Amino acid sequence: MSDKITSKIELNVELDANRVPEKLHWTAQDGGITNEEAKAMMLAVWDSKAQETLRIDLWTKDMPVDEMKVFFHQTLVAMSDTFNRATQDEKMTATMKDFCDYFAEKLEIK
């Protein structure tokens, strides 16, 4: 008997005739999320063989620019936190956080 568990995260993208995203929905049942609408998403996957990051960045036509700026800022902050958890490199984490503060200041979102 295997103790392995599989968890599924599902992304659904509704495109217009020009293949531009109009609607984004996601489901992560283990997290209690079912068909939740989103305006933007960023997905990064590490390809160990090629030693490169593969990315999918999508946002809907009606994603406001001011919200996109906040989305980017919050993503950068979260990446700093993840970097710290993954590497325990406090010095670089602090540098990344300083940049996040600078980013927010320049965009006048903080």
C-alpha atoms as a PDB file:
ATOM      1  CA  MET A   1       0.000   0.000   0.000  1.00  0.00           C
ATOM      2  CA  SER A   2       1.391   3.389  -1.002  1.00  0.00           C
ATOM      3  CA  ASP A   3       1.370   6.378   1.356  1.00  0.00           C
ATOM      4  CA  LYS A   4       1.617   8.830  -1.529  1.00  0.00           C
ATOM      5  CA  ILE A   5      -1.132  11.362  -2.041  1.00  0.00           C
ATOM      6  CA  THR A   6      -1.843  13.238  -5.254  1.00  0.00           C
ATOM      7  CA  SER A   7      -3.165  16.782  -5.146  1.00  0.00           C
ATOM      8  CA  LYS A   8      -4.512  18.489  -8.246  1.00  0.00           C
ATOM      9  CA  ILE A   9      -4.504  22.199  -9.086  1.00  0.00           C
ATOM     10  CA  GLU A  10      -6.565  23.126 -12.118  1.00  0.00           C
ATOM     11  CA  LEU A  11      -6.385  26.310 -14.199  1.00  0.00           C
ATOM     12  CA  ASN A  12      -9.018  27.252 -16.776  1.00  0.00           C
ATOM     13  CA  VAL A  13      -8.476  30.097 -19.223  1.00  0.00           C
ATOM     14  CA  GLU A  14     -11.298  31.493 -21.352  1.00  0.00           C
ATOM     15  CA  LEU A  15      -9.903  33.189 -24.478  1.00  0.00           C
ATOM     16  CA  ASP A  16     -11.421  35.607 -26.960  1.00  0.00           C
ATOM     17  CA  ALA A  17     -11.203  35.104 -30.738  1.00  0.00           C
ATOM     18  CA  ASN A  18      -7.644  36.521 -30.699  1.00  0.00           C
ATOM     19  CA  ARG A  19      -6.624  34.104 -27.915  1.00  0.00           C
ATOM     20  CA  VAL A  20      -6.390  36.887 -25.338  1.00  0.00           C
ATOM     21  CA  PRO A  21      -7.510  35.803 -21.850  1.00  0.00           C
ATOM     22  CA  GLU A  22     -10.948  37.056 -20.865  1.00  0.00           C
ATOM     23  CA  LYS A  23     -11.517  34.898 -17.784  1.00  0.00           C
ATOM     24  CA  LEU A  24      -9.239  32.924 -15.468  1.00  0.00           C
ATOM     25  CA  HIS A  25     -10.539  30.370 -12.987  1.00  0.00           C
ATOM     26  CA  TRP A  26      -8.658  28.036 -10.684  1.00  0.00           C
ATOM     27  CA  THR A  27      -9.437  25.102  -8.452  1.00  0.00           C
ATOM     28  CA  ALA A  28      -7.364  23.641  -5.633  1.00  0.00           C
ATOM     29  CA  GLN A  29      -9.706  21.363  -3.741  1.00  0.00           C
ATOM     30  CA  ASP A  30      -7.133  20.559  -1.043  1.00  0.00           C
ATOM     31  CA  GLY A  31      -7.038  24.296  -0.330  1.00  0.00           C
ATOM     32  CA  GLY A  32     -10.814  24.675  -0.399  1.00  0.00           C
ATOM     33  CA  ILE A  33     -10.790  26.631  -3.683  1.00  0.00           C
ATOM     34  CA  THR A  34     -13.356  25.679  -6.327  1.00  0.00           C
ATOM     35  CA  ASN A  35     -13.591  27.485  -9.669  1.00  0.00           C
ATOM     36  CA  GLU A  36     -12.443  30.790  -8.167  1.00  0.00           C
ATOM     37  CA  GLU A  37     -12.090  33.702 -10.589  1.00  0.00           C
ATOM     38  CA  ALA A  38      -8.772  35.530 -10.884  1.00  0.00           C
ATOM     39  CA  LYS A  39      -7.653  38.509 -12.958  1.00  0.00           C
ATOM     40  CA  ALA A  40      -3.984  37.480 -13.257  1.00  0.00           C
ATOM     41  CA  MET A  41      -1.662  34.553 -12.612  1.00  0.00           C
ATOM     42  CA  MET A  42       2.027  33.721 -12.722  1.00  0.00           C
ATOM     43  CA  LEU A  43       3.233  30.140 -12.823  1.00  0.00           C
ATOM     44  CA  ALA A  44       6.910  29.172 -12.770  1.00  0.00           C
ATOM     45  CA  VAL A  45       8.165  25.600 -13.172  1.00  0.00           C
ATOM     46  CA  TRP A  46      11.804  24.510 -12.827  1.00  0.00           C
ATOM     47  CA  ASP A  47      13.089  22.282 -15.654  1.00  0.00           C
ATOM     48  CA  SER A  48      15.998  20.494 -13.985  1.00  0.00           C
ATOM     49  CA  LYS A  49      17.259  18.879 -17.199  1.00  0.00           C
ATOM     50  CA  ALA A  50      17.493  22.169 -19.095  1.00  0.00           C
ATOM     51  CA  GLN A  51      18.391  24.133 -15.934  1.00  0.00           C
ATOM     52  CA  GLU A  52      15.815  26.807 -16.735  1.00  0.00           C
ATOM     53  CA  THR A  53      12.556  28.237 -15.516  1.00  0.00           C
ATOM     54  CA  LEU A  54       9.460  27.749 -17.640  1.00  0.00           C
ATOM     55  CA  ARG A  55       6.775  30.373 -17.099  1.00  0.00           C
ATOM     56  CA  ILE A  56       3.172  31.149 -17.819  1.00  0.00           C
ATOM     57  CA  ASP A  57       2.076  34.729 -17.125  1.00  0.00           C
ATOM     58  CA  LEU A  58      -1.546  35.556 -17.905  1.00  0.00           C
ATOM     59  CA  TRP A  59      -3.881  38.411 -17.125  1.00  0.00           C
ATOM     60  CA  THR A  60      -7.351  39.239 -18.325  1.00  0.00           C
ATOM     61  CA  LYS A  61      -8.222  42.179 -20.547  1.00  0.00           C
ATOM     62  CA  ASP A  62     -10.006  43.880 -17.679  1.00  0.00           C
ATOM     63  CA  MET A  63      -7.143  43.629 -15.158  1.00  0.00           C
ATOM     64  CA  PRO A  64      -6.657  47.236 -14.006  1.00  0.00           C
ATOM     65  CA  VAL A  65      -3.097  48.579 -14.175  1.00  0.00           C
ATOM     66  CA  ASP A  66      -3.196  49.774 -10.563  1.00  0.00           C
ATOM     67  CA  GLU A  67      -4.141  46.252  -9.433  1.00  0.00           C
ATOM     68  CA  MET A  68      -1.390  44.784 -11.633  1.00  0.00           C
ATOM     69  CA  LYS A  69       1.169  46.948  -9.830  1.00  0.00           C
ATOM     70  CA  VAL A  70      -0.040  45.675  -6.436  1.00  0.00           C
ATOM     71  CA  PHE A  71      -0.093  42.101  -7.775  1.00  0.00           C
ATOM     72  CA  PHE A  72       3.542  42.407  -8.869  1.00  0.00           C
ATOM     73  CA  HIS A  73       4.581  43.932  -5.543  1.00  0.00           C
ATOM     74  CA  GLN A  74       2.864  41.215  -3.521  1.00  0.00           C
ATOM     75  CA  THR A  75       4.383  38.552  -5.784  1.00  0.00           C
ATOM     76  CA  LEU A  76       7.878  39.970  -5.274  1.00  0.00           C
ATOM     77  CA  VAL A  77       7.369  40.019  -1.486  1.00  0.00           C
ATOM     78  CA  ALA A  78       6.112  36.424  -1.558  1.00  0.00           C
ATOM     79  CA  MET A  79       9.095  35.359  -3.689  1.00  0.00           C
ATOM     80  CA  SER A  80      11.404  36.943  -1.099  1.00  0.00           C
ATOM     81  CA  ASP A  81       9.713  34.950   1.661  1.00  0.00           C
ATOM     82  CA  THR A  82       9.918  31.744  -0.380  1.00  0.00           C
ATOM     83  CA  PHE A  83      13.581  32.390  -1.178  1.00  0.00           C
ATOM     84  CA  ASN A  84      14.277  32.760   2.539  1.00  0.00           C
ATOM     85  CA  ARG A  85      12.444  29.541   3.441  1.00  0.00           C
ATOM     86  CA  ALA A  86      14.229  27.635   0.662  1.00  0.00           C
ATOM     87  CA  THR A  87      17.758  28.954   1.221  1.00  0.00           C
ATOM     88  CA  GLN A  88      17.886  30.499   4.721  1.00  0.00           C
ATOM     89  CA  ASP A  89      19.974  33.260   3.088  1.00  0.00           C
ATOM     90  CA  GLU A  90      19.018  36.124   5.407  1.00  0.00           C
ATOM     91  CA  LYS A  91      21.351  38.667   3.781  1.00  0.00           C
ATOM     92  CA  MET A  92      19.964  38.224   0.258  1.00  0.00           C
ATOM     93  CA  THR A  93      16.420  38.066   1.599  1.00  0.00           C
ATOM     94  CA  ALA A  94      16.945  41.451   3.245  1.00  0.00           C
ATOM     95  CA  THR A  95      18.273  42.821  -0.050  1.00  0.00           C
ATOM     96  CA  MET A  96      15.229  41.483  -1.873  1.00  0.00           C
ATOM     97  CA  LYS A  97      12.899  43.008   0.735  1.00  0.00           C
ATOM     98  CA  ASP A  98      14.693  46.357   0.335  1.00  0.00           C
ATOM     99  CA  PHE A  99      13.998  46.181  -3.386  1.00  0.00           C
ATOM    100  CA  CYS A 100      10.324  45.370  -2.694  1.00  0.00           C
ATOM    101  CA  ASP A 101      10.092  48.487  -0.520  1.00  0.00           C
ATOM    102  CA  TYR A 102      11.786  50.556  -3.252  1.00  0.00           C
ATOM    103  CA  PHE A 103       9.435  49.082  -5.884  1.00  0.00           C
ATOM    104  CA  ALA A 104       6.352  49.981  -3.799  1.00  0.00           C
ATOM    105  CA  GLU A 105       7.677  53.470  -3.084  1.00  0.00           C
ATOM    106  CA  LYS A 106       8.364  54.212  -6.767  1.00  0.00           C
ATOM    107  CA  LEU A 107       4.919  52.939  -7.777  1.00  0.00           C
ATOM    108  CA  GLU A 108       3.352  54.846  -4.885  1.00  0.00           C
ATOM    109  CA  ILE A 109       1.436  51.781  -3.709  1.00  0.00           C
ATOM    110  CA  LYS A 110       2.642  51.747  -0.104  1.00  0.00           C
END
